[in-house]
């Protein structure tokens, strides 16, 4: 894996999220007290979590209301051992970078 620039600084507003395709993976990047990156697809029915409601570090999948921690990828309800893959993400002088 190598670091790749995915967006310019300011591309994701505070409290917001955007989805990017990196090395064939759909990855959600949230800007909530820093950047957090994880798989964009809910394990329930492969719907994107990006348009979900974000409260603190918990995003609610808009399809069936499953809740994920954007820092750890952990599913907060139902199946306790389910986790979305997380990825290192950094804000640098020239943009937002991810290692995926």
N, C-alpha and C. Protein backbone atom coordinates (compact mmCIF):
# COMPACT_ATOMS: atom_id res chain seq x y z
N UNK A 1 0.84 -1.19 0.00
CA UNK A 1 0.00 0.00 0.00
C UNK A 1 0.88 1.24 0.00
N UNK A 2 0.40 2.25 -0.67
CA UNK A 2 1.12 3.52 -0.70
C UNK A 2 0.14 4.67 -0.54
N UNK A 3 0.64 5.74 0.00
CA UNK A 3 -0.20 6.93 0.21
C UNK A 3 -0.57 7.53 -1.14
N UNK A 4 -1.86 7.90 -1.26
CA UNK A 4 -2.36 8.54 -2.48
C UNK A 4 -3.17 9.76 -2.11
N UNK A 5 -3.02 10.80 -2.89
CA UNK A 5 -3.86 11.99 -2.70
C UNK A 5 -5.23 11.69 -3.28
N UNK A 6 -6.27 11.92 -2.47
CA UNK A 6 -7.63 11.66 -2.93
C UNK A 6 -8.44 12.94 -3.12
N UNK A 7 -8.02 14.03 -2.48
CA UNK A 7 -8.80 15.27 -2.56
C UNK A 7 -7.94 16.46 -2.15
N UNK A 8 -8.37 17.63 -2.58
CA UNK A 8 -7.74 18.86 -2.13
C UNK A 8 -8.21 19.18 -0.72
N UNK A 9 -7.42 19.97 -0.01
CA UNK A 9 -7.84 20.43 1.32
C UNK A 9 -9.17 21.17 1.17
N UNK A 10 -10.04 20.99 2.11
CA UNK A 10 -11.33 21.67 2.07
C UNK A 10 -12.39 20.95 1.25
N UNK A 11 -12.04 19.82 0.64
CA UNK A 11 -13.00 19.09 -0.20
C UNK A 11 -14.11 18.44 0.62
N UNK A 12 -13.81 18.14 1.88
CA UNK A 12 -14.80 17.52 2.77
C UNK A 12 -15.06 18.49 3.91
N UNK A 13 -16.24 19.09 3.97
CA UNK A 13 -16.50 20.06 5.04
C UNK A 13 -16.53 19.39 6.41
N UNK A 14 -16.28 20.16 7.44
CA UNK A 14 -16.34 19.66 8.80
C UNK A 14 -17.72 19.06 9.06
N UNK A 15 -17.75 17.85 9.60
CA UNK A 15 -19.02 17.15 9.85
C UNK A 15 -19.56 16.46 8.63
N UNK A 16 -18.82 16.50 7.53
CA UNK A 16 -19.28 15.90 6.28
C UNK A 16 -18.51 14.65 5.90
N UNK A 17 -18.90 14.08 4.78
CA UNK A 17 -18.26 12.87 4.28
C UNK A 17 -18.35 12.84 2.76
N UNK A 18 -17.39 12.15 2.16
CA UNK A 18 -17.41 11.91 0.71
C UNK A 18 -16.90 10.50 0.47
N UNK A 19 -17.32 9.94 -0.65
CA UNK A 19 -16.88 8.61 -1.03
C UNK A 19 -15.87 8.71 -2.17
N UNK A 20 -14.82 7.89 -2.08
CA UNK A 20 -13.78 7.84 -3.10
C UNK A 20 -13.52 6.39 -3.46
N UNK A 21 -13.14 6.14 -4.69
CA UNK A 21 -12.71 4.82 -5.10
C UNK A 21 -11.19 4.83 -5.13
N UNK A 22 -10.59 3.97 -4.32
CA UNK A 22 -9.14 3.90 -4.20
C UNK A 22 -8.73 2.44 -4.40
N UNK A 23 -7.93 2.19 -5.42
CA UNK A 23 -7.49 0.82 -5.73
C UNK A 23 -8.67 -0.14 -5.82
N UNK A 24 -9.76 0.32 -6.44
CA UNK A 24 -10.94 -0.51 -6.64
C UNK A 24 -11.84 -0.65 -5.44
N UNK A 25 -11.51 0.01 -4.32
CA UNK A 25 -12.31 -0.07 -3.10
C UNK A 25 -13.12 1.21 -2.94
N UNK A 26 -14.38 1.08 -2.55
CA UNK A 26 -15.19 2.25 -2.22
C UNK A 26 -14.94 2.60 -0.76
N UNK A 27 -14.38 3.79 -0.55
CA UNK A 27 -13.97 4.21 0.79
C UNK A 27 -14.67 5.52 1.16
N UNK A 28 -15.24 5.53 2.37
CA UNK A 28 -15.88 6.72 2.91
C UNK A 28 -14.85 7.48 3.74
N UNK A 29 -14.77 8.79 3.52
CA UNK A 29 -13.87 9.63 4.30
C UNK A 29 -14.73 10.67 5.02
N UNK A 30 -14.66 10.66 6.34
CA UNK A 30 -15.42 11.58 7.18
C UNK A 30 -14.48 12.63 7.75
N UNK A 31 -14.97 13.86 7.86
CA UNK A 31 -14.23 14.94 8.50
C UNK A 31 -14.96 15.27 9.80
N UNK A 32 -14.58 14.59 10.86
CA UNK A 32 -15.20 14.78 12.16
C UNK A 32 -14.08 14.81 13.20
N UNK A 33 -13.66 16.00 13.61
CA UNK A 33 -12.52 16.13 14.52
C UNK A 33 -11.30 15.43 13.93
N UNK A 34 -11.03 15.70 12.66
CA UNK A 34 -9.97 15.02 11.92
C UNK A 34 -10.60 14.10 10.90
N UNK A 35 -9.78 13.52 10.06
CA UNK A 35 -10.28 12.65 9.00
C UNK A 35 -10.27 11.19 9.43
N UNK A 36 -11.30 10.47 9.00
CA UNK A 36 -11.44 9.05 9.30
C UNK A 36 -11.90 8.36 8.01
N UNK A 37 -11.25 7.25 7.66
CA UNK A 37 -11.57 6.54 6.42
C UNK A 37 -11.90 5.08 6.73
N UNK A 38 -12.97 4.60 6.09
CA UNK A 38 -13.38 3.21 6.26
C UNK A 38 -14.15 2.78 5.03
N UNK A 39 -14.37 1.46 4.91
CA UNK A 39 -15.15 0.96 3.78
C UNK A 39 -16.47 1.70 3.72
N UNK A 40 -16.90 2.04 2.51
CA UNK A 40 -18.10 2.85 2.34
C UNK A 40 -19.39 2.04 2.37
N UNK A 41 -19.29 0.72 2.21
CA UNK A 41 -20.50 -0.08 2.06
C UNK A 41 -20.89 -0.80 3.35
N UNK A 42 -22.12 -0.59 3.76
CA UNK A 42 -22.68 -1.29 4.92
C UNK A 42 -22.70 -2.79 4.59
N UNK A 43 -22.36 -3.62 5.57
CA UNK A 43 -22.32 -5.06 5.33
C UNK A 43 -23.72 -5.66 5.18
N UNK A 44 -24.75 -4.93 5.56
CA UNK A 44 -26.11 -5.45 5.50
C UNK A 44 -26.58 -5.64 4.07
N UNK A 45 -26.59 -4.57 3.27
CA UNK A 45 -27.05 -4.69 1.88
C UNK A 45 -26.23 -3.82 0.93
N UNK A 46 -24.99 -3.61 1.26
CA UNK A 46 -24.05 -2.89 0.39
C UNK A 46 -24.48 -1.47 0.01
N UNK A 47 -25.23 -0.82 0.89
CA UNK A 47 -25.56 0.58 0.67
C UNK A 47 -24.46 1.46 1.22
N UNK A 48 -24.22 2.60 0.60
CA UNK A 48 -23.19 3.51 1.07
C UNK A 48 -23.59 4.17 2.39
N UNK A 49 -22.62 4.26 3.31
CA UNK A 49 -22.87 4.92 4.58
C UNK A 49 -22.63 6.43 4.49
N UNK A 50 -22.07 6.89 3.38
CA UNK A 50 -21.69 8.31 3.25
C UNK A 50 -22.87 9.27 3.45
N UNK A 51 -24.05 9.01 2.87
CA UNK A 51 -25.15 9.95 3.10
C UNK A 51 -25.85 9.77 4.45
N UNK A 52 -25.33 8.88 5.29
CA UNK A 52 -25.96 8.62 6.58
C UNK A 52 -25.82 9.77 7.55
N UNK A 53 -26.66 9.74 8.57
CA UNK A 53 -26.65 10.76 9.63
C UNK A 53 -25.46 10.50 10.55
N UNK A 54 -24.66 11.54 10.79
CA UNK A 54 -23.48 11.43 11.62
C UNK A 54 -23.72 12.15 12.94
N UNK A 55 -23.55 11.41 14.05
CA UNK A 55 -23.64 11.99 15.39
C UNK A 55 -22.39 11.60 16.14
N UNK A 56 -21.54 12.57 16.43
CA UNK A 56 -20.26 12.26 17.04
C UNK A 56 -19.44 11.42 16.09
N UNK A 57 -19.04 10.24 16.54
CA UNK A 57 -18.26 9.33 15.69
C UNK A 57 -19.10 8.16 15.19
N UNK A 58 -20.40 8.27 15.28
CA UNK A 58 -21.29 7.20 14.85
C UNK A 58 -22.08 7.66 13.62
N UNK A 59 -22.00 6.85 12.55
CA UNK A 59 -22.78 7.13 11.35
C UNK A 59 -23.87 6.08 11.23
N UNK A 60 -25.05 6.54 10.83
CA UNK A 60 -26.19 5.65 10.67
C UNK A 60 -26.39 5.38 9.19
N UNK A 61 -26.35 4.10 8.80
CA UNK A 61 -26.60 3.74 7.41
C UNK A 61 -28.02 4.18 7.05
N UNK A 62 -28.18 4.91 5.94
CA UNK A 62 -29.50 5.42 5.60
C UNK A 62 -30.49 4.35 5.10
N UNK A 63 -30.01 3.17 4.77
CA UNK A 63 -30.93 2.13 4.26
C UNK A 63 -31.74 1.46 5.37
N UNK A 64 -31.05 0.93 6.39
CA UNK A 64 -31.74 0.18 7.43
C UNK A 64 -31.27 0.53 8.83
N UNK A 65 -30.59 1.68 8.95
CA UNK A 65 -30.28 2.26 10.26
C UNK A 65 -29.28 1.48 11.10
N UNK A 66 -28.36 0.78 10.46
CA UNK A 66 -27.25 0.18 11.20
C UNK A 66 -26.28 1.30 11.54
N UNK A 67 -25.56 1.16 12.65
CA UNK A 67 -24.68 2.22 13.16
C UNK A 67 -23.23 1.74 13.21
N UNK A 68 -22.34 2.56 12.65
CA UNK A 68 -20.91 2.23 12.64
C UNK A 68 -20.10 3.35 13.29
N UNK A 69 -19.04 2.96 13.99
CA UNK A 69 -18.09 3.90 14.54
C UNK A 69 -17.11 4.25 13.43
N UNK A 70 -17.02 5.53 13.05
CA UNK A 70 -16.17 5.92 11.92
C UNK A 70 -14.68 5.86 12.27
N UNK A 71 -14.34 5.78 13.53
CA UNK A 71 -12.93 5.68 13.94
C UNK A 71 -12.44 4.23 13.92
N UNK A 72 -13.31 3.30 14.30
CA UNK A 72 -12.90 1.90 14.43
C UNK A 72 -13.51 0.98 13.38
N UNK A 73 -14.58 1.42 12.73
CA UNK A 73 -15.28 0.59 11.76
C UNK A 73 -16.28 -0.38 12.39
N UNK A 74 -16.33 -0.41 13.71
CA UNK A 74 -17.18 -1.39 14.40
C UNK A 74 -18.66 -1.10 14.23
N UNK A 75 -19.42 -2.18 14.01
CA UNK A 75 -20.88 -2.10 14.01
C UNK A 75 -21.32 -1.99 15.46
N UNK A 76 -22.15 -1.02 15.75
CA UNK A 76 -22.51 -0.74 17.13
C UNK A 76 -23.76 -1.49 17.60
N UNK A 77 -24.44 -2.16 16.70
CA UNK A 77 -25.64 -2.90 17.10
C UNK A 77 -25.70 -4.22 16.32
N UNK A 78 -26.62 -5.05 16.68
CA UNK A 78 -26.88 -6.34 16.03
C UNK A 78 -25.71 -7.31 16.18
N UNK A 79 -24.83 -7.37 15.19
CA UNK A 79 -23.74 -8.34 15.16
C UNK A 79 -22.46 -7.70 15.70
N UNK A 80 -22.14 -7.98 16.93
CA UNK A 80 -21.04 -7.28 17.60
C UNK A 80 -19.66 -7.57 17.01
N UNK A 81 -19.49 -8.64 16.24
CA UNK A 81 -18.18 -8.95 15.70
C UNK A 81 -17.99 -8.43 14.27
N UNK A 82 -18.93 -7.65 13.77
CA UNK A 82 -18.84 -7.11 12.42
C UNK A 82 -18.08 -5.78 12.45
N UNK A 83 -17.19 -5.62 11.48
CA UNK A 83 -16.37 -4.42 11.44
C UNK A 83 -16.06 -4.06 9.99
N UNK A 84 -16.15 -2.78 9.66
CA UNK A 84 -15.70 -2.31 8.35
C UNK A 84 -14.20 -2.04 8.44
N UNK A 85 -13.49 -2.28 7.34
CA UNK A 85 -12.05 -2.02 7.29
C UNK A 85 -11.81 -0.51 7.41
N UNK A 86 -10.86 -0.12 8.22
CA UNK A 86 -10.46 1.29 8.33
C UNK A 86 -9.13 1.48 7.63
N UNK A 87 -8.83 2.73 7.27
CA UNK A 87 -7.62 3.05 6.52
C UNK A 87 -6.97 4.30 7.11
N UNK A 88 -5.64 4.35 7.12
CA UNK A 88 -4.96 5.57 7.55
C UNK A 88 -5.26 6.71 6.57
N UNK A 89 -5.56 7.87 7.12
CA UNK A 89 -5.84 9.05 6.29
C UNK A 89 -5.18 10.26 6.96
N UNK A 90 -4.63 11.15 6.13
CA UNK A 90 -3.93 12.33 6.65
C UNK A 90 -4.29 13.57 5.85
N UNK A 91 -4.30 14.68 6.57
CA UNK A 91 -4.40 15.98 5.92
C UNK A 91 -2.99 16.52 5.81
N UNK A 92 -2.58 16.83 4.59
CA UNK A 92 -1.24 17.38 4.35
C UNK A 92 -1.39 18.77 3.73
N UNK A 93 -0.29 19.46 3.57
CA UNK A 93 -0.32 20.84 3.05
C UNK A 93 -1.02 20.93 1.71
N UNK A 94 -0.88 19.92 0.86
CA UNK A 94 -1.46 19.99 -0.49
C UNK A 94 -2.72 19.15 -0.67
N UNK A 95 -3.26 18.54 0.40
CA UNK A 95 -4.49 17.79 0.22
C UNK A 95 -4.69 16.71 1.26
N UNK A 96 -5.67 15.83 0.96
CA UNK A 96 -6.03 14.71 1.82
C UNK A 96 -5.47 13.44 1.19
N UNK A 97 -4.76 12.65 2.00
CA UNK A 97 -4.11 11.44 1.53
C UNK A 97 -4.64 10.22 2.28
N UNK A 98 -4.67 9.08 1.58
CA UNK A 98 -5.10 7.83 2.18
C UNK A 98 -4.12 6.74 1.82
N UNK A 99 -3.97 5.79 2.72
CA UNK A 99 -3.13 4.61 2.52
C UNK A 99 -4.07 3.42 2.46
N UNK A 100 -4.44 3.03 1.24
CA UNK A 100 -5.42 1.93 1.09
C UNK A 100 -4.98 0.93 0.03
